[in-house]
PDB file of N, CA and C in Angstrom:
ATOM      1  N   SER A   1     -14.957   5.723   2.365  1.00  0.00           N
ATOM      2  CA  SER A   1     -13.999   6.802   2.264  1.00  0.00           C
ATOM      3  C   SER A   1     -12.723   6.418   2.993  1.00  0.00           C
ATOM      4  N   VAL A   2     -11.597   6.774   2.436  1.00  0.00           N
ATOM      5  CA  VAL A   2     -10.310   6.421   3.001  1.00  0.00           C
ATOM      6  C   VAL A   2      -9.980   7.273   4.207  1.00  0.00           C
ATOM      7  N   GLY A   3     -10.293   8.536   4.166  1.00  0.00           N
ATOM      8  CA  GLY A   3      -9.934   9.436   5.250  1.00  0.00           C
ATOM      9  C   GLY A   3      -8.482   9.844   5.141  1.00  0.00           C
ATOM     10  N   ALA A   4      -7.931  10.298   6.223  1.00  0.00           N
ATOM     11  CA  ALA A   4      -6.539  10.760   6.230  1.00  0.00           C
ATOM     12  C   ALA A   4      -5.592   9.582   6.065  1.00  0.00           C
ATOM     13  N   PRO A   5      -4.465   9.774   5.350  1.00  0.00           N
ATOM     14  CA  PRO A   5      -3.491   8.689   5.229  1.00  0.00           C
ATOM     15  C   PRO A   5      -3.015   8.250   6.605  1.00  0.00           C
ATOM     16  N   ARG A   6      -2.826   6.960   6.746  1.00  0.00           N
ATOM     17  CA  ARG A   6      -2.388   6.393   8.017  1.00  0.00           C
ATOM     18  C   ARG A   6      -0.951   5.922   7.852  1.00  0.00           C
ATOM     19  N   ALA A   7      -0.070   6.387   8.654  1.00  0.00           N
ATOM     20  CA  ALA A   7       1.333   5.992   8.565  1.00  0.00           C
ATOM     21  C   ALA A   7       1.517   4.633   9.215  1.00  0.00           C
ATOM     22  N   ALA A   8       2.050   3.682   8.465  1.00  0.00           N
ATOM     23  CA  ALA A   8       2.260   2.341   8.989  1.00  0.00           C
ATOM     24  C   ALA A   8       3.311   2.327  10.087  1.00  0.00           C
ATOM     25  N   LEU A   9       4.264   3.244  10.035  1.00  0.00           N
ATOM     26  CA  LEU A   9       5.365   3.220  10.992  1.00  0.00           C
ATOM     27  C   LEU A   9       4.920   3.436  12.422  1.00  0.00           C
ATOM     28  N   GLU A  10       3.776   4.042  12.626  1.00  0.00           N
ATOM     29  CA  GLU A  10       3.308   4.278  13.989  1.00  0.00           C
ATOM     30  C   GLU A  10       2.703   3.029  14.604  1.00  0.00           C
ATOM     31  N   CYS A  11       2.502   1.996  13.816  1.00  0.00           N
ATOM     32  CA  CYS A  11       1.738   0.840  14.268  1.00  0.00           C
ATOM     33  C   CYS A  11       2.580  -0.319  14.782  1.00  0.00           C
ATOM     34  N   SER A  12       3.751  -0.538  14.216  1.00  0.00           N
ATOM     35  CA  SER A  12       4.467  -1.758  14.526  1.00  0.00           C
ATOM     36  C   SER A  12       5.968  -1.551  14.395  1.00  0.00           C
ATOM     37  N   ALA A  13       6.722  -2.232  15.224  1.00  0.00           N
ATOM     38  CA  ALA A  13       8.180  -2.120  15.165  1.00  0.00           C
ATOM     39  C   ALA A  13       8.735  -2.700  13.875  1.00  0.00           C
ATOM     40  N   TRP A  14       8.003  -3.599  13.222  1.00  0.00           N
ATOM     41  CA  TRP A  14       8.489  -4.216  11.990  1.00  0.00           C
ATOM     42  C   TRP A  14       8.755  -3.181  10.916  1.00  0.00           C
ATOM     43  N   GLU A  15       7.957  -2.145  10.847  1.00  0.00           N
ATOM     44  CA  GLU A  15       8.077  -1.145   9.797  1.00  0.00           C
ATOM     45  C   GLU A  15       9.007  -0.003  10.186  1.00  0.00           C
ATOM     46  N   THR A  16      10.067  -0.282  10.878  1.00  0.00           N
ATOM     47  CA  THR A  16      10.923   0.799  11.360  1.00  0.00           C
ATOM     48  C   THR A  16      11.503   1.630  10.235  1.00  0.00           C
ATOM     49  N   CYS A  17      11.928   1.006   9.159  1.00  0.00           N
ATOM     50  CA  CYS A  17      12.529   1.769   8.068  1.00  0.00           C
ATOM     51  C   CYS A  17      12.704   0.851   6.874  1.00  0.00           C
ATOM     52  N   GLY A  18      12.544   1.384   5.696  1.00  0.00           N
ATOM     53  CA  GLY A  18      12.806   0.628   4.482  1.00  0.00           C
ATOM     54  C   GLY A  18      14.288   0.729   4.153  1.00  0.00           C
ATOM     55  N   VAL A  19      15.105  -0.063   4.820  1.00  0.00           N
ATOM     56  CA  VAL A  19      16.551   0.033   4.684  1.00  0.00           C
ATOM     57  C   VAL A  19      16.990  -0.158   3.238  1.00  0.00           C
ATOM     58  N   SER A  20      16.369  -1.056   2.512  1.00  0.00           N
ATOM     59  CA  SER A  20      16.767  -1.350   1.139  1.00  0.00           C
ATOM     60  C   SER A  20      16.301  -0.287   0.159  1.00  0.00           C
ATOM     61  N   GLY A  21      15.481   0.630   0.592  1.00  0.00           N
ATOM     62  CA  GLY A  21      14.936   1.633  -0.318  1.00  0.00           C
ATOM     63  C   GLY A  21      13.761   1.119  -1.122  1.00  0.00           C
ATOM     64  N   LEU A  22      13.322  -0.088  -0.839  1.00  0.00           N
ATOM     65  CA  LEU A  22      12.205  -0.687  -1.551  1.00  0.00           C
ATOM     66  C   LEU A  22      10.896  -0.332  -0.861  1.00  0.00           C
ATOM     67  N   THR A  23       9.870  -0.065  -1.652  1.00  0.00           N
ATOM     68  CA  THR A  23       8.518   0.135  -1.140  1.00  0.00           C
ATOM     69  C   THR A  23       7.608  -0.855  -1.853  1.00  0.00           C
ATOM     70  N   VAL A  24       6.846  -1.633  -1.105  1.00  0.00           N
ATOM     71  CA  VAL A  24       5.894  -2.577  -1.685  1.00  0.00           C
ATOM     72  C   VAL A  24       4.555  -1.868  -1.795  1.00  0.00           C
ATOM     73  N   VAL A  25       3.930  -1.962  -2.978  1.00  0.00           N
ATOM     74  CA  VAL A  25       2.702  -1.222  -3.259  1.00  0.00           C
ATOM     75  C   VAL A  25       1.660  -2.153  -3.860  1.00  0.00           C
ATOM     76  N   CYS A  26       0.408  -1.956  -3.467  1.00  0.00           N
ATOM     77  CA  CYS A  26      -0.706  -2.624  -4.129  1.00  0.00           C
ATOM     78  C   CYS A  26      -1.830  -1.613  -4.320  1.00  0.00           C
ATOM     79  N   VAL A  27      -2.774  -1.968  -5.179  1.00  0.00           N
ATOM     80  CA  VAL A  27      -3.951  -1.138  -5.435  1.00  0.00           C
ATOM     81  C   VAL A  27      -5.177  -2.004  -5.195  1.00  0.00           C
ATOM     82  N   LYS A  28      -6.101  -1.517  -4.373  1.00  0.00           N
ATOM     83  CA  LYS A  28      -7.361  -2.228  -4.108  1.00  0.00           C
ATOM     84  C   LYS A  28      -8.504  -1.262  -4.383  1.00  0.00           C
ATOM     85  N   TRP A  29      -9.349  -1.621  -5.337  1.00  0.00           N
ATOM     86  CA  TRP A  29     -10.514  -0.779  -5.595  1.00  0.00           C
ATOM     87  C   TRP A  29     -11.708  -1.670  -5.887  1.00  0.00           C
ATOM     88  N   GLY A  30     -12.864  -1.127  -5.670  1.00  0.00           N
ATOM     89  CA  GLY A  30     -14.084  -1.890  -5.912  1.00  0.00           C
ATOM     90  C   GLY A  30     -14.319  -2.937  -4.838  1.00  0.00           C
ATOM     91  N   SER A  31     -15.192  -3.893  -5.158  1.00  0.00           N
ATOM     92  CA  SER A  31     -15.588  -4.893  -4.161  1.00  0.00           C
ATOM     93  C   SER A  31     -15.190  -6.317  -4.531  1.00  0.00           C
ATOM     94  N   ARG A  32     -14.450  -6.495  -5.615  1.00  0.00           N
ATOM     95  CA  ARG A  32     -14.076  -7.847  -6.021  1.00  0.00           C
ATOM     96  C   ARG A  32     -13.179  -8.526  -4.979  1.00  0.00           C
ATOM     97  N   TYR A  33     -12.237  -7.768  -4.428  1.00  0.00           N
ATOM     98  CA  TYR A  33     -11.338  -8.282  -3.394  1.00  0.00           C
ATOM     99  C   TYR A  33     -11.506  -7.446  -2.137  1.00  0.00           C
ATOM    100  N   ASP A  34     -11.601  -8.118  -0.995  1.00  0.00           N
ATOM    101  CA  ASP A  34     -11.750  -7.364   0.254  1.00  0.00           C
ATOM    102  C   ASP A  34     -10.379  -7.172   0.917  1.00  0.00           C
ATOM    103  N   SER A  35     -10.389  -6.565   2.080  1.00  0.00           N
ATOM    104  CA  SER A  35      -9.139  -6.223   2.765  1.00  0.00           C
ATOM    105  C   SER A  35      -8.318  -7.454   3.155  1.00  0.00           C
ATOM    106  N   SER A  36      -8.945  -8.608   3.278  1.00  0.00           N
ATOM    107  CA  SER A  36      -8.190  -9.804   3.667  1.00  0.00           C
ATOM    108  C   SER A  36      -7.131 -10.167   2.626  1.00  0.00           C
ATOM    109  N   TYR A  37      -7.372  -9.868   1.354  1.00  0.00           N
ATOM    110  CA  TYR A  37      -6.377 -10.148   0.315  1.00  0.00           C
ATOM    111  C   TYR A  37      -5.140  -9.269   0.503  1.00  0.00           C
ATOM    112  N   VAL A  38      -5.342  -7.998   0.782  1.00  0.00           N
ATOM    113  CA  VAL A  38      -4.220  -7.082   1.026  1.00  0.00           C
ATOM    114  C   VAL A  38      -3.483  -7.498   2.294  1.00  0.00           C
ATOM    115  N   ASN A  39      -4.219  -7.857   3.327  1.00  0.00           N
ATOM    116  CA  ASN A  39      -3.589  -8.279   4.581  1.00  0.00           C
ATOM    117  C   ASN A  39      -2.723  -9.519   4.374  1.00  0.00           C
ATOM    118  N   ARG A  40      -3.169 -10.446   3.519  1.00  0.00           N
ATOM    119  CA  ARG A  40      -2.369 -11.636   3.221  1.00  0.00           C
ATOM    120  C   ARG A  40      -1.104 -11.276   2.446  1.00  0.00           C
ATOM    121  N   LEU A  41      -1.218 -10.347   1.493  1.00  0.00           N
ATOM    122  CA  LEU A  41      -0.022  -9.874   0.778  1.00  0.00           C
ATOM    123  C   LEU A  41       0.984  -9.288   1.759  1.00  0.00           C
ATOM    124  N   TYR A  42       0.493  -8.435   2.638  1.00  0.00           N
ATOM    125  CA  TYR A  42       1.338  -7.785   3.641  1.00  0.00           C
ATOM    126  C   TYR A  42       2.044  -8.828   4.509  1.00  0.00           C
ATOM    127  N   GLU A  43       1.303  -9.790   5.013  1.00  0.00           N
ATOM    128  CA  GLU A  43       1.893 -10.822   5.876  1.00  0.00           C
ATOM    129  C   GLU A  43       2.893 -11.670   5.107  1.00  0.00           C
ATOM    130  N   GLY A  44       2.619 -11.951   3.827  1.00  0.00           N
ATOM    131  CA  GLY A  44       3.553 -12.714   3.007  1.00  0.00           C
ATOM    132  C   GLY A  44       4.869 -11.983   2.803  1.00  0.00           C
ATOM    133  N   VAL A  45       4.792 -10.693   2.516  1.00  0.00           N
ATOM    134  CA  VAL A  45       6.009  -9.890   2.360  1.00  0.00           C
ATOM    135  C   VAL A  45       6.772  -9.859   3.676  1.00  0.00           C
ATOM    136  N   ARG A  46       6.070  -9.657   4.731  1.00  0.00           N
ATOM    137  CA  ARG A  46       6.692  -9.591   6.055  1.00  0.00           C
ATOM    138  C   ARG A  46       7.402 -10.900   6.418  1.00  0.00           C
ATOM    139  N   ARG A  47       6.775 -12.009   6.046  1.00  0.00           N
ATOM    140  CA  ARG A  47       7.314 -13.326   6.372  1.00  0.00           C
ATOM    141  C   ARG A  47       8.520 -13.689   5.494  1.00  0.00           C
ATOM    142  N   HIS A  48       8.495 -13.281   4.207  1.00  0.00           N
ATOM    143  CA  HIS A  48       9.498 -13.776   3.266  1.00  0.00           C
ATOM    144  C   HIS A  48      10.557 -12.764   2.847  1.00  0.00           C
ATOM    145  N   TYR A  49      10.423 -11.511   3.235  1.00  0.00           N
ATOM    146  CA  TYR A  49      11.436 -10.516   2.887  1.00  0.00           C
ATOM    147  C   TYR A  49      12.270 -10.245   4.129  1.00  0.00           C
ATOM    148  N   SER A  50      13.585 -10.267   3.981  1.00  0.00           N
ATOM    149  CA  SER A  50      14.466 -10.220   5.151  1.00  0.00           C
ATOM    150  C   SER A  50      14.591  -8.845   5.801  1.00  0.00           C
ATOM    151  N   GLU A  51      14.228  -7.774   5.101  1.00  0.00           N
ATOM    152  CA  GLU A  51      14.335  -6.427   5.660  1.00  0.00           C
ATOM    153  C   GLU A  51      12.948  -5.824   5.852  1.00  0.00           C
ATOM    154  N   ALA A  52      12.870  -4.862   6.736  1.00  0.00           N
ATOM    155  CA  ALA A  52      11.613  -4.131   6.916  1.00  0.00           C
ATOM    156  C   ALA A  52      11.418  -3.205   5.724  1.00  0.00           C
ATOM    157  N   VAL A  53      10.266  -3.283   5.097  1.00  0.00           N
ATOM    158  CA  VAL A  53       9.961  -2.421   3.953  1.00  0.00           C
ATOM    159  C   VAL A  53       8.591  -1.790   4.153  1.00  0.00           C
ATOM    160  N   PRO A  54       8.424  -0.550   3.722  1.00  0.00           N
ATOM    161  CA  PRO A  54       7.095   0.062   3.775  1.00  0.00           C
ATOM    162  C   PRO A  54       6.144  -0.683   2.839  1.00  0.00           C
ATOM    163  N   PHE A  55       4.908  -0.864   3.263  1.00  0.00           N
ATOM    164  CA  PHE A  55       3.871  -1.519   2.461  1.00  0.00           C
ATOM    165  C   PHE A  55       2.734  -0.518   2.315  1.00  0.00           C
ATOM    166  N   VAL A  56       2.453  -0.106   1.081  1.00  0.00           N
ATOM    167  CA  VAL A  56       1.467   0.933   0.801  1.00  0.00           C
ATOM    168  C   VAL A  56       0.328   0.351  -0.020  1.00  0.00           C
ATOM    169  N   CYS A  57      -0.902   0.649   0.375  1.00  0.00           N
ATOM    170  CA  CYS A  57      -2.080   0.248  -0.396  1.00  0.00           C
ATOM    171  C   CYS A  57      -2.843   1.499  -0.814  1.00  0.00           C
ATOM    172  N   PHE A  58      -2.983   1.688  -2.127  1.00  0.00           N
ATOM    173  CA  PHE A  58      -3.818   2.758  -2.662  1.00  0.00           C
ATOM    174  C   PHE A  58      -5.225   2.190  -2.810  1.00  0.00           C
ATOM    175  N   THR A  59      -6.201   2.835  -2.187  1.00  0.00           N
ATOM    176  CA  THR A  59      -7.564   2.313  -2.195  1.00  0.00           C
ATOM    177  C   THR A  59      -8.573   3.416  -1.923  1.00  0.00           C
ATOM    178  N   GLU A  60      -9.802   3.173  -2.293  1.00  0.00           N
ATOM    179  CA  GLU A  60     -10.886   4.089  -1.941  1.00  0.00           C
ATOM    180  C   GLU A  60     -11.565   3.650  -0.649  1.00  0.00           C
ATOM    181  N   ASN A  61     -11.159   2.473  -0.121  1.00  0.00           N
ATOM    182  CA  ASN A  61     -11.761   1.959   1.102  1.00  0.00           C
ATOM    183  C   ASN A  61     -10.708   1.190   1.904  1.00  0.00           C
ATOM    184  N   GLY A  62     -10.130   1.826   2.903  1.00  0.00           N
ATOM    185  CA  GLY A  62      -9.091   1.200   3.708  1.00  0.00           C
ATOM    186  C   GLY A  62      -9.601   0.425   4.909  1.00  0.00           C
ATOM    187  N   GLU A  63     -10.907   0.289   5.028  1.00  0.00           N
ATOM    188  CA  GLU A  63     -11.495  -0.415   6.169  1.00  0.00           C
ATOM    189  C   GLU A  63     -11.019  -1.858   6.215  1.00  0.00           C
ATOM    190  N   GLY A  64     -10.586  -2.295   7.398  1.00  0.00           N
ATOM    191  CA  GLY A  64     -10.193  -3.682   7.613  1.00  0.00           C
ATOM    192  C   GLY A  64      -8.738  -3.991   7.302  1.00  0.00           C
ATOM    193  N   LEU A  65      -7.983  -3.008   6.808  1.00  0.00           N
ATOM    194  CA  LEU A  65      -6.572  -3.267   6.523  1.00  0.00           C
ATOM    195  C   LEU A  65      -5.783  -3.280   7.824  1.00  0.00           C
ATOM    196  N   THR A  66      -4.844  -4.192   7.912  1.00  0.00           N
ATOM    197  CA  THR A  66      -4.037  -4.345   9.113  1.00  0.00           C
ATOM    198  C   THR A  66      -3.205  -3.092   9.372  1.00  0.00           C
ATOM    199  N   CYS A  67      -2.839  -2.908  10.600  1.00  0.00           N
ATOM    200  CA  CYS A  67      -2.166  -1.690  11.049  1.00  0.00           C
ATOM    201  C   CYS A  67      -0.865  -1.404  10.308  1.00  0.00           C
ATOM    202  N   GLY A  68      -0.117  -2.390   9.892  1.00  0.00           N
ATOM    203  CA  GLY A  68       1.155  -2.174   9.213  1.00  0.00           C
ATOM    204  C   GLY A  68       1.055  -1.708   7.783  1.00  0.00           C
ATOM    205  N   VAL A  69      -0.152  -1.659   7.226  1.00  0.00           N
ATOM    206  CA  VAL A  69      -0.355  -1.221   5.846  1.00  0.00           C
ATOM    207  C   VAL A  69      -0.614   0.280   5.838  1.00  0.00           C
ATOM    208  N   GLU A  70       0.218   1.021   5.104  1.00  0.00           N
ATOM    209  CA  GLU A  70       0.000   2.460   4.952  1.00  0.00           C
ATOM    210  C   GLU A  70      -1.084   2.665   3.901  1.00  0.00           C
ATOM    211  N   VAL A  71      -2.170   3.291   4.287  1.00  0.00           N
ATOM    212  CA  VAL A  71      -3.308   3.503   3.384  1.00  0.00           C
ATOM    213  C   VAL A  71      -3.184   4.877   2.741  1.00  0.00           C
ATOM    214  N   ARG A  72      -3.238   4.888   1.407  1.00  0.00           N
ATOM    215  CA  ARG A  72      -3.236   6.152   0.663  1.00  0.00           C
ATOM    216  C   ARG A  72      -4.468   6.185  -0.231  1.00  0.00           C
ATOM    217  N   PRO A  73      -5.041   7.368  -0.395  1.00  0.00           N
ATOM    218  CA  PRO A  73      -6.268   7.464  -1.188  1.00  0.00           C
ATOM    219  C   PRO A  73      -6.024   7.235  -2.674  1.00  0.00           C
ATOM    220  N   LEU A  74      -6.929   6.505  -3.276  1.00  0.00           N
ATOM    221  CA  LEU A  74      -6.951   6.317  -4.723  1.00  0.00           C
ATOM    222  C   LEU A  74      -7.945   7.327  -5.273  1.00  0.00           C
ATOM    223  N   PRO A  75      -7.512   8.226  -6.137  1.00  0.00           N
ATOM    224  CA  PRO A  75      -8.418   9.276  -6.620  1.00  0.00           C
ATOM    225  C   PRO A  75      -9.657   8.710  -7.309  1.00  0.00           C
ATOM    226  N   ASP A  76     -10.754   9.424  -7.163  1.00  0.00           N
ATOM    227  CA  ASP A  76     -11.997   9.049  -7.843  1.00  0.00           C
ATOM    228  C   ASP A  76     -11.826   9.203  -9.349  1.00  0.00           C
ATOM    229  N   GLY A  77     -12.603   8.449 -10.086  1.00  0.00           N
ATOM    230  CA  GLY A  77     -12.645   8.612 -11.529  1.00  0.00           C
ATOM    231  C   GLY A  77     -11.779   7.649 -12.313  1.00  0.00           C
ATOM    232  N   TYR A  78     -10.916   6.887 -11.645  1.00  0.00           N
ATOM    233  CA  TYR A  78     -10.106   5.903 -12.359  1.00  0.00           C
ATOM    234  C   TYR A  78     -10.902   4.613 -12.477  1.00  0.00           C
ATOM    235  N   ARG A  79     -11.023   4.106 -13.681  1.00  0.00           N
ATOM    236  CA  ARG A  79     -11.767   2.868 -13.907  1.00  0.00           C
ATOM    237  C   ARG A  79     -10.801   1.753 -14.304  1.00  0.00           C
ATOM    238  N   LEU A  80     -11.175   0.552 -13.926  1.00  0.00           N
ATOM    239  CA  LEU A  80     -10.415  -0.646 -14.266  1.00  0.00           C
ATOM    240  C   LEU A  80      -8.944  -0.490 -13.892  1.00  0.00           C
ATOM    241  N   TRP A  81      -8.038  -0.746 -14.812  1.00  0.00           N
ATOM    242  CA  TRP A  81      -6.612  -0.755 -14.503  1.00  0.00           C
ATOM    243  C   TRP A  81      -5.990   0.631 -14.406  1.00  0.00           C
ATOM    244  N   TRP A  82      -6.735   1.691 -14.649  1.00  0.00           N
ATOM    245  CA  TRP A  82      -6.175   3.039 -14.595  1.00  0.00           C
ATOM    246  C   TRP A  82      -5.681   3.400 -13.197  1.00  0.00           C
ATOM    247  N   GLY A  83      -6.205   2.767 -12.185  1.00  0.00           N
ATOM    248  CA  GLY A  83      -5.704   2.998 -10.831  1.00  0.00           C
ATOM    249  C   GLY A  83      -4.237   2.616 -10.704  1.00  0.00           C
ATOM    250  N   LYS A  84      -3.836   1.563 -11.413  1.00  0.00           N
ATOM    251  CA  LYS A  84      -2.426   1.166 -11.414  1.00  0.00           C
ATOM    252  C   LYS A  84      -1.573   2.230 -12.098  1.00  0.00           C
ATOM    253  N   ALA A  85      -2.080   2.808 -13.172  1.00  0.00           N
ATOM    254  CA  ALA A  85      -1.336   3.842 -13.895  1.00  0.00           C
ATOM    255  C   ALA A  85      -1.091   5.063 -13.005  1.00  0.00           C
ATOM    256  N   TYR A  86      -1.983   5.312 -12.063  1.00  0.00           N
ATOM    257  CA  TYR A  86      -1.832   6.435 -11.135  1.00  0.00           C
ATOM    258  C   TYR A  86      -0.514   6.352 -10.362  1.00  0.00           C
ATOM    259  N   LEU A  87      -0.013   5.153 -10.133  1.00  0.00           N
ATOM    260  CA  LEU A  87       1.230   4.970  -9.382  1.00  0.00           C
ATOM    261  C   LEU A  87       2.410   5.687 -10.038  1.00  0.00           C
ATOM    262  N   PHE A  88       2.331   5.923 -11.348  1.00  0.00           N
ATOM    263  CA  PHE A  88       3.412   6.582 -12.073  1.00  0.00           C
ATOM    264  C   PHE A  88       3.312   8.103 -12.018  1.00  0.00           C
ATOM    265  N   SER A  89       2.247   8.620 -11.443  1.00  0.00           N
ATOM    266  CA  SER A  89       2.089  10.072 -11.357  1.00  0.00           C
ATOM    267  C   SER A  89       2.836  10.610 -10.134  1.00  0.00           C
ATOM    268  N   SER A  90       3.232  11.864 -10.206  1.00  0.00           N
ATOM    269  CA  SER A  90       3.919  12.466  -9.059  1.00  0.00           C
ATOM    270  C   SER A  90       2.978  12.601  -7.862  1.00  0.00           C
ATOM    271  N   ALA A  91       1.677  12.666  -8.117  1.00  0.00           N
ATOM    272  CA  ALA A  91       0.689  12.786  -7.039  1.00  0.00           C
ATOM    273  C   ALA A  91       0.676  11.551  -6.130  1.00  0.00           C
ATOM    274  N   ALA A  92       1.111  10.408  -6.643  1.00  0.00           N
ATOM    275  CA  ALA A  92       1.130   9.179  -5.840  1.00  0.00           C
ATOM    276  C   ALA A  92       2.209   9.222  -4.763  1.00  0.00           C
ATOM    277  N   GLY A  93       3.200  10.083  -4.926  1.00  0.00           N
ATOM    278  CA  GLY A  93       4.235  10.235  -3.907  1.00  0.00           C
ATOM    279  C   GLY A  93       5.268   9.128  -3.866  1.00  0.00           C
ATOM    280  N   LEU A  94       5.447   8.425  -4.976  1.00  0.00           N
ATOM    281  CA  LEU A  94       6.421   7.335  -5.017  1.00  0.00           C
ATOM    282  C   LEU A  94       7.673   7.708  -5.797  1.00  0.00           C
ATOM    283  N   ASP A  95       7.805   8.957  -6.181  1.00  0.00           N
ATOM    284  CA  ASP A  95       8.947   9.413  -6.981  1.00  0.00           C
ATOM    285  C   ASP A  95      10.267   9.061  -6.317  1.00  0.00           C
ATOM    286  N   GLY A  96      11.180   8.521  -7.109  1.00  0.00           N
ATOM    287  CA  GLY A  96      12.514   8.221  -6.611  1.00  0.00           C
ATOM    288  C   GLY A  96      12.623   6.950  -5.793  1.00  0.00           C
ATOM    289  N   ARG A  97      11.532   6.255  -5.587  1.00  0.00           N
ATOM    290  CA  ARG A  97      11.571   5.016  -4.799  1.00  0.00           C
ATOM    291  C   ARG A  97      11.642   3.804  -5.728  1.00  0.00           C
ATOM    292  N   ARG A  98      12.275   2.749  -5.229  1.00  0.00           N
ATOM    293  CA  ARG A  98      12.177   1.449  -5.902  1.00  0.00           C
ATOM    294  C   ARG A  98      10.864   0.852  -5.439  1.00  0.00           C
ATOM    295  N   VAL A  99      10.013   0.464  -6.384  1.00  0.00           N
ATOM    296  CA  VAL A  99       8.673  -0.015  -6.051  1.00  0.00           C
ATOM    297  C   VAL A  99       8.491  -1.442  -6.543  1.00  0.00           C
ATOM    298  N   LEU A 100       7.986  -2.286  -5.661  1.00  0.00           N
ATOM    299  CA  LEU A 100       7.548  -3.625  -6.032  1.00  0.00           C
ATOM    300  C   LEU A 100       6.036  -3.596  -5.999  1.00  0.00           C
ATOM    301  N   TYR A 101       5.410  -3.729  -7.171  1.00  0.00           N
ATOM    302  CA  TYR A 101       3.950  -3.698  -7.253  1.00  0.00           C
ATOM    303  C   TYR A 101       3.426  -5.121  -7.193  1.00  0.00           C
ATOM    304  N   LEU A 102       2.539  -5.385  -6.242  1.00  0.00           N
ATOM    305  CA  LEU A 102       1.900  -6.703  -6.115  1.00  0.00           C
ATOM    306  C   LEU A 102       0.423  -6.567  -6.368  1.00  0.00           C
TER     307      LEU A 102
END
């Protein structure tokens, strides 16, 4: 279970603000990929992007994700790639943002 959303900004000075208006987003569901894959994506963005940007992971299991990753719940009932389609819904909370999906 994901539990309450965790704000990445409380964890590290790196995530002070998404100055560019960009939000980096990924979706992790099931057991094919563990949290280390998301953590590597996060570290790669942090290392290669010149500005601080919010990094959001939609998942049903946020265990093991690094502190700088904002965990948001992925609703039950989405199978296969439908979890990605959820990002376009207003419920995902990404309205009006520039999103880079990894």
